[in-house]
Amino acid sequence: MTDVTSLQYTPEHEWVLVDGDVATIGITDYAAEKLGDVVYVDLPAAGTAVTAGTVVGEIESTKSVGELFSPVDGEIVEANQAVVDAPELVNSDPFGEGWLIKVAAASLPALLSHDEYRALVGE
């Protein structure tokens, strides 16, 4: 189980786990709950260059379509095929098996701490 207090967060309701120069990115439980039942996930292919703050994918639910932003500059090293095949993983395990992409990050911008993110969403 992921220690959510050790993750970093974005105002776009994404979490970031940094391991060396690879950032694993997913959406938070708050975002997953607000989206509702996720039914489709579109992720970039490995090798795709991404720029921080740009849209890199989509998450479609029974309520709406959300955009996935890259919080870092870099290159996609892995997209979670399990989530593409079973989008409900985003709802059932957003901080674990529901991760979305891994990016070889050139550098990391300043991100929110767990406490700062929880304050942002009013929890």
N, C-alpha and C. Protein backbone atom coordinates (compact mmCIF):
# COMPACT_ATOMS: atom_id res chain seq x y z
N MET A 1 0.84 -1.18 0.00
CA MET A 1 0.00 0.00 0.00
C MET A 1 0.88 1.24 0.00
N THR A 2 0.51 2.19 -0.80
CA THR A 2 1.27 3.42 -0.95
C THR A 2 1.02 4.35 0.24
N ASP A 3 2.10 4.90 0.77
CA ASP A 3 2.00 5.91 1.82
C ASP A 3 1.68 7.25 1.16
N VAL A 4 0.41 7.63 1.16
CA VAL A 4 -0.02 8.84 0.44
C VAL A 4 0.59 10.11 1.02
N THR A 5 1.04 10.06 2.28
CA THR A 5 1.65 11.26 2.86
C THR A 5 3.04 11.52 2.30
N SER A 6 3.64 10.51 1.67
CA SER A 6 4.98 10.69 1.11
C SER A 6 4.93 11.14 -0.36
N LEU A 7 3.74 11.18 -0.95
CA LEU A 7 3.60 11.58 -2.35
C LEU A 7 3.60 13.10 -2.46
N GLN A 8 3.80 13.58 -3.69
CA GLN A 8 3.65 15.00 -3.99
C GLN A 8 2.39 15.13 -4.87
N TYR A 9 1.83 16.33 -4.89
CA TYR A 9 0.54 16.52 -5.56
C TYR A 9 0.54 17.77 -6.42
N THR A 10 -0.42 17.80 -7.38
CA THR A 10 -0.60 18.98 -8.21
C THR A 10 -1.99 19.56 -7.93
N PRO A 11 -2.20 20.82 -8.25
CA PRO A 11 -3.54 21.41 -8.12
C PRO A 11 -4.54 20.77 -9.09
N GLU A 12 -4.04 20.02 -10.09
CA GLU A 12 -4.92 19.34 -11.04
C GLU A 12 -5.33 17.95 -10.53
N HIS A 13 -5.12 17.70 -9.24
CA HIS A 13 -5.55 16.47 -8.57
C HIS A 13 -4.80 15.23 -9.04
N GLU A 14 -3.52 15.40 -9.26
CA GLU A 14 -2.67 14.28 -9.61
C GLU A 14 -1.67 14.07 -8.47
N TRP A 15 -1.24 12.83 -8.33
CA TRP A 15 -0.17 12.54 -7.38
C TRP A 15 1.08 12.16 -8.15
N VAL A 16 2.23 12.37 -7.52
CA VAL A 16 3.52 12.10 -8.15
C VAL A 16 4.40 11.37 -7.14
N LEU A 17 4.92 10.21 -7.56
CA LEU A 17 5.88 9.47 -6.76
C LEU A 17 7.20 9.50 -7.51
N VAL A 18 8.22 10.07 -6.88
CA VAL A 18 9.52 10.19 -7.53
C VAL A 18 10.43 9.09 -7.02
N ASP A 19 11.00 8.34 -7.98
CA ASP A 19 11.97 7.29 -7.66
C ASP A 19 13.15 7.49 -8.62
N GLY A 20 14.23 8.07 -8.12
CA GLY A 20 15.35 8.42 -9.00
C GLY A 20 14.91 9.53 -9.94
N ASP A 21 15.06 9.28 -11.24
CA ASP A 21 14.62 10.30 -12.20
C ASP A 21 13.29 9.93 -12.86
N VAL A 22 12.59 8.94 -12.31
CA VAL A 22 11.29 8.53 -12.86
C VAL A 22 10.17 8.97 -11.92
N ALA A 23 9.21 9.67 -12.51
CA ALA A 23 8.03 10.12 -11.77
C ALA A 23 6.84 9.26 -12.18
N THR A 24 6.24 8.57 -11.22
CA THR A 24 5.01 7.82 -11.46
C THR A 24 3.86 8.76 -11.13
N ILE A 25 2.86 8.80 -12.02
CA ILE A 25 1.79 9.78 -11.91
C ILE A 25 0.43 9.09 -11.98
N GLY A 26 -0.47 9.53 -11.13
CA GLY A 26 -1.84 9.05 -11.15
C GLY A 26 -2.76 10.17 -10.70
N ILE A 27 -4.05 9.89 -10.63
CA ILE A 27 -4.96 10.89 -10.09
C ILE A 27 -5.32 10.50 -8.66
N THR A 28 -5.69 11.49 -7.88
CA THR A 28 -5.97 11.26 -6.46
C THR A 28 -7.32 10.58 -6.25
N ASP A 29 -7.51 10.08 -5.05
CA ASP A 29 -8.81 9.50 -4.70
C ASP A 29 -9.92 10.55 -4.78
N TYR A 30 -9.57 11.80 -4.45
CA TYR A 30 -10.54 12.90 -4.55
C TYR A 30 -11.00 13.06 -6.00
N ALA A 31 -10.05 13.09 -6.94
CA ALA A 31 -10.39 13.24 -8.36
C ALA A 31 -11.18 12.03 -8.86
N ALA A 32 -10.76 10.84 -8.45
CA ALA A 32 -11.46 9.63 -8.89
C ALA A 32 -12.91 9.64 -8.40
N GLU A 33 -13.10 10.09 -7.17
CA GLU A 33 -14.46 10.15 -6.62
C GLU A 33 -15.30 11.19 -7.36
N LYS A 34 -14.71 12.35 -7.65
CA LYS A 34 -15.44 13.40 -8.37
C LYS A 34 -15.78 12.99 -9.80
N LEU A 35 -14.88 12.22 -10.43
CA LEU A 35 -15.16 11.76 -11.80
C LEU A 35 -16.31 10.76 -11.83
N GLY A 36 -16.41 9.94 -10.82
CA GLY A 36 -17.39 8.86 -10.84
C GLY A 36 -16.75 7.63 -11.48
N ASP A 37 -17.57 6.73 -11.96
CA ASP A 37 -17.07 5.47 -12.51
C ASP A 37 -16.30 5.71 -13.80
N VAL A 38 -14.99 5.44 -13.76
CA VAL A 38 -14.14 5.62 -14.93
C VAL A 38 -14.39 4.47 -15.90
N VAL A 39 -14.64 4.82 -17.16
CA VAL A 39 -14.98 3.81 -18.17
C VAL A 39 -13.97 3.75 -19.32
N TYR A 40 -13.09 4.75 -19.43
CA TYR A 40 -12.13 4.77 -20.54
C TYR A 40 -10.94 5.63 -20.14
N VAL A 41 -9.74 5.15 -20.47
CA VAL A 41 -8.52 5.91 -20.19
C VAL A 41 -7.67 5.91 -21.46
N ASP A 42 -7.25 7.09 -21.90
CA ASP A 42 -6.37 7.24 -23.05
C ASP A 42 -5.03 7.78 -22.55
N LEU A 43 -3.97 7.00 -22.74
CA LEU A 43 -2.65 7.38 -22.24
C LEU A 43 -1.66 7.48 -23.39
N PRO A 44 -0.63 8.30 -23.23
CA PRO A 44 0.39 8.42 -24.29
C PRO A 44 1.26 7.17 -24.33
N ALA A 45 1.84 6.93 -25.50
CA ALA A 45 2.72 5.78 -25.68
C ALA A 45 4.10 6.05 -25.08
N ALA A 46 4.78 4.99 -24.71
CA ALA A 46 6.16 5.11 -24.26
C ALA A 46 6.98 5.78 -25.36
N GLY A 47 7.87 6.64 -24.96
CA GLY A 47 8.71 7.36 -25.91
C GLY A 47 8.19 8.75 -26.26
N THR A 48 6.96 9.05 -25.84
CA THR A 48 6.38 10.36 -26.11
C THR A 48 7.02 11.41 -25.21
N ALA A 49 7.46 12.50 -25.81
CA ALA A 49 7.99 13.62 -25.04
C ALA A 49 6.82 14.42 -24.46
N VAL A 50 6.92 14.81 -23.20
CA VAL A 50 5.86 15.58 -22.56
C VAL A 50 6.44 16.84 -21.93
N THR A 51 5.58 17.84 -21.85
CA THR A 51 5.95 19.11 -21.25
C THR A 51 5.05 19.38 -20.05
N ALA A 52 5.63 19.83 -18.98
CA ALA A 52 4.86 20.12 -17.76
C ALA A 52 3.71 21.08 -18.07
N GLY A 53 2.54 20.73 -17.56
CA GLY A 53 1.37 21.58 -17.71
C GLY A 53 0.55 21.31 -18.95
N THR A 54 1.01 20.39 -19.80
CA THR A 54 0.25 20.09 -21.01
C THR A 54 -0.58 18.82 -20.83
N VAL A 55 -1.64 18.73 -21.61
CA VAL A 55 -2.51 17.56 -21.56
C VAL A 55 -1.82 16.40 -22.27
N VAL A 56 -1.80 15.23 -21.61
CA VAL A 56 -1.15 14.06 -22.19
C VAL A 56 -2.10 12.87 -22.29
N GLY A 57 -3.32 13.01 -21.76
CA GLY A 57 -4.25 11.90 -21.84
C GLY A 57 -5.63 12.32 -21.38
N GLU A 58 -6.57 11.36 -21.47
CA GLU A 58 -7.95 11.61 -21.06
C GLU A 58 -8.44 10.50 -20.16
N ILE A 59 -9.32 10.89 -19.25
CA ILE A 59 -9.96 9.93 -18.37
C ILE A 59 -11.46 10.19 -18.48
N GLU A 60 -12.16 9.22 -19.04
CA GLU A 60 -13.60 9.38 -19.28
C GLU A 60 -14.37 8.57 -18.24
N SER A 61 -15.38 9.22 -17.67
CA SER A 61 -16.22 8.54 -16.69
C SER A 61 -17.67 8.62 -17.13
N THR A 62 -18.52 8.04 -16.33
CA THR A 62 -19.96 8.10 -16.63
C THR A 62 -20.50 9.51 -16.44
N LYS A 63 -19.73 10.38 -15.75
CA LYS A 63 -20.17 11.76 -15.50
C LYS A 63 -19.56 12.77 -16.46
N SER A 64 -18.26 12.59 -16.81
CA SER A 64 -17.56 13.61 -17.58
C SER A 64 -16.27 13.05 -18.17
N VAL A 65 -15.55 13.92 -18.85
CA VAL A 65 -14.23 13.58 -19.37
C VAL A 65 -13.22 14.50 -18.69
N GLY A 66 -12.21 13.91 -18.07
CA GLY A 66 -11.16 14.69 -17.43
C GLY A 66 -9.87 14.58 -18.23
N GLU A 67 -9.03 15.59 -18.11
CA GLU A 67 -7.76 15.58 -18.80
C GLU A 67 -6.64 15.21 -17.84
N LEU A 68 -5.67 14.49 -18.37
CA LEU A 68 -4.48 14.14 -17.60
C LEU A 68 -3.37 15.08 -18.04
N PHE A 69 -2.82 15.81 -17.08
CA PHE A 69 -1.72 16.74 -17.35
C PHE A 69 -0.41 16.11 -16.89
N SER A 70 0.64 16.42 -17.59
CA SER A 70 1.95 16.01 -17.10
C SER A 70 2.45 17.09 -16.15
N PRO A 71 2.81 16.73 -14.94
CA PRO A 71 3.36 17.73 -14.02
C PRO A 71 4.85 17.97 -14.22
N VAL A 72 5.46 17.20 -15.13
CA VAL A 72 6.91 17.30 -15.34
C VAL A 72 7.25 17.31 -16.82
N ASP A 73 8.42 17.85 -17.14
CA ASP A 73 8.99 17.72 -18.48
C ASP A 73 9.71 16.38 -18.53
N GLY A 74 9.64 15.72 -19.68
CA GLY A 74 10.38 14.48 -19.81
C GLY A 74 9.85 13.61 -20.91
N GLU A 75 10.06 12.30 -20.74
CA GLU A 75 9.64 11.33 -21.75
C GLU A 75 8.90 10.19 -21.07
N ILE A 76 7.78 9.80 -21.64
CA ILE A 76 7.01 8.68 -21.11
C ILE A 76 7.85 7.41 -21.23
N VAL A 77 8.04 6.74 -20.10
CA VAL A 77 8.77 5.47 -20.15
C VAL A 77 7.82 4.29 -20.03
N GLU A 78 6.61 4.54 -19.51
CA GLU A 78 5.63 3.46 -19.40
C GLU A 78 4.24 4.05 -19.18
N ALA A 79 3.27 3.50 -19.88
CA ALA A 79 1.86 3.80 -19.63
C ALA A 79 1.24 2.54 -19.04
N ASN A 80 0.36 2.69 -18.10
CA ASN A 80 -0.21 1.55 -17.40
C ASN A 80 -1.28 0.87 -18.26
N GLN A 81 -0.88 -0.20 -18.95
CA GLN A 81 -1.79 -0.92 -19.83
C GLN A 81 -2.92 -1.58 -19.03
N ALA A 82 -2.66 -1.93 -17.78
CA ALA A 82 -3.71 -2.55 -16.95
C ALA A 82 -4.89 -1.59 -16.77
N VAL A 83 -4.61 -0.29 -16.66
CA VAL A 83 -5.67 0.70 -16.50
C VAL A 83 -6.43 0.89 -17.82
N VAL A 84 -5.69 0.82 -18.93
CA VAL A 84 -6.36 0.93 -20.24
C VAL A 84 -7.33 -0.25 -20.41
N ASP A 85 -6.89 -1.44 -20.01
CA ASP A 85 -7.72 -2.63 -20.14
C ASP A 85 -8.83 -2.69 -19.11
N ALA A 86 -8.60 -2.13 -17.94
CA ALA A 86 -9.58 -2.16 -16.84
C ALA A 86 -9.63 -0.78 -16.18
N PRO A 87 -10.31 0.19 -16.81
CA PRO A 87 -10.31 1.58 -16.30
C PRO A 87 -10.81 1.71 -14.86
N GLU A 88 -11.60 0.77 -14.40
CA GLU A 88 -12.13 0.84 -13.04
C GLU A 88 -11.03 0.80 -11.98
N LEU A 89 -9.81 0.42 -12.36
CA LEU A 89 -8.68 0.44 -11.41
C LEU A 89 -8.42 1.86 -10.90
N VAL A 90 -8.75 2.87 -11.71
CA VAL A 90 -8.56 4.27 -11.28
C VAL A 90 -9.43 4.56 -10.06
N ASN A 91 -10.62 3.99 -10.02
CA ASN A 91 -11.52 4.19 -8.89
C ASN A 91 -11.18 3.27 -7.71
N SER A 92 -10.87 2.03 -8.01
CA SER A 92 -10.68 1.06 -6.93
C SER A 92 -9.34 1.15 -6.24
N ASP A 93 -8.29 1.62 -6.93
CA ASP A 93 -6.95 1.69 -6.34
C ASP A 93 -6.16 2.84 -6.96
N PRO A 94 -6.63 4.10 -6.76
CA PRO A 94 -5.99 5.23 -7.45
C PRO A 94 -4.52 5.43 -7.09
N PHE A 95 -4.11 5.03 -5.89
CA PHE A 95 -2.73 5.23 -5.46
C PHE A 95 -1.87 3.98 -5.65
N GLY A 96 -2.44 2.93 -6.20
CA GLY A 96 -1.70 1.69 -6.39
C GLY A 96 -1.77 1.23 -7.83
N GLU A 97 -2.56 0.19 -8.08
CA GLU A 97 -2.66 -0.36 -9.42
C GLU A 97 -3.27 0.60 -10.43
N GLY A 98 -3.87 1.68 -9.94
CA GLY A 98 -4.49 2.66 -10.83
C GLY A 98 -3.56 3.77 -11.28
N TRP A 99 -2.24 3.60 -11.07
CA TRP A 99 -1.31 4.62 -11.58
C TRP A 99 -1.48 4.73 -13.09
N LEU A 100 -1.06 5.86 -13.68
CA LEU A 100 -1.34 6.09 -15.10
C LEU A 100 -0.09 6.08 -15.98
N ILE A 101 0.90 6.91 -15.65
CA ILE A 101 2.09 6.99 -16.50
C ILE A 101 3.35 7.11 -15.64
N LYS A 102 4.46 6.72 -16.25
CA LYS A 102 5.78 6.95 -15.65
C LYS A 102 6.56 7.80 -16.64
N VAL A 103 7.17 8.85 -16.10
CA VAL A 103 7.90 9.81 -16.93
C VAL A 103 9.34 9.91 -16.44
N ALA A 104 10.29 9.77 -17.37
CA ALA A 104 11.68 10.07 -17.06
C ALA A 104 11.76 11.58 -17.02
N ALA A 105 11.85 12.12 -15.82
CA ALA A 105 11.71 13.56 -15.63
C ALA A 105 13.05 14.28 -15.76
N ALA A 106 13.05 15.33 -16.55
CA ALA A 106 14.24 16.15 -16.70
C ALA A 106 14.51 16.91 -15.40
N SER A 107 13.43 17.38 -14.77
CA SER A 107 13.52 18.08 -13.49
C SER A 107 12.13 18.09 -12.89
N LEU A 108 12.06 18.36 -11.63
CA LEU A 108 10.75 18.39 -10.96
C LEU A 108 10.41 19.81 -10.55
N PRO A 109 9.21 20.25 -10.87
CA PRO A 109 8.78 21.56 -10.39
C PRO A 109 8.39 21.45 -8.92
N ALA A 110 8.15 22.57 -8.30
CA ALA A 110 7.66 22.56 -6.93
C ALA A 110 6.23 22.00 -6.94
N LEU A 111 5.99 20.99 -6.15
CA LEU A 111 4.67 20.37 -6.06
C LEU A 111 4.15 20.51 -4.64
N LEU A 112 2.90 20.15 -4.46
CA LEU A 112 2.26 20.28 -3.15
C LEU A 112 2.57 19.08 -2.26
N SER A 113 2.67 19.32 -0.97
CA SER A 113 2.79 18.22 -0.01
C SER A 113 1.40 17.63 0.21
N HIS A 114 1.33 16.52 0.91
CA HIS A 114 0.04 15.90 1.23
C HIS A 114 -0.85 16.86 2.00
N ASP A 115 -0.29 17.51 3.01
CA ASP A 115 -1.08 18.45 3.81
C ASP A 115 -1.56 19.65 2.97
N GLU A 116 -0.69 20.15 2.10
CA GLU A 116 -1.09 21.27 1.24
C GLU A 116 -2.21 20.85 0.28
N TYR A 117 -2.11 19.63 -0.27
CA TYR A 117 -3.15 19.16 -1.19
C TYR A 117 -4.47 18.97 -0.44
N ARG A 118 -4.42 18.37 0.71
CA ARG A 118 -5.65 18.16 1.48
C ARG A 118 -6.31 19.50 1.83
N ALA A 119 -5.51 20.49 2.14
CA ALA A 119 -6.05 21.83 2.40
C ALA A 119 -6.71 22.40 1.14
N LEU A 120 -6.09 22.15 -0.02
CA LEU A 120 -6.62 22.63 -1.30
C LEU A 120 -8.02 22.08 -1.56
N VAL A 121 -8.22 20.80 -1.25
CA VAL A 121 -9.52 20.18 -1.52
C VAL A 121 -10.48 20.27 -0.33
N GLY A 122 -10.03 20.95 0.72
CA GLY A 122 -10.91 21.18 1.85
C GLY A 122 -11.09 20.01 2.78
N GLU A 123 -10.07 19.17 2.87
CA GLU A 123 -10.15 18.01 3.78
C GLU A 123 -9.21 18.18 4.95
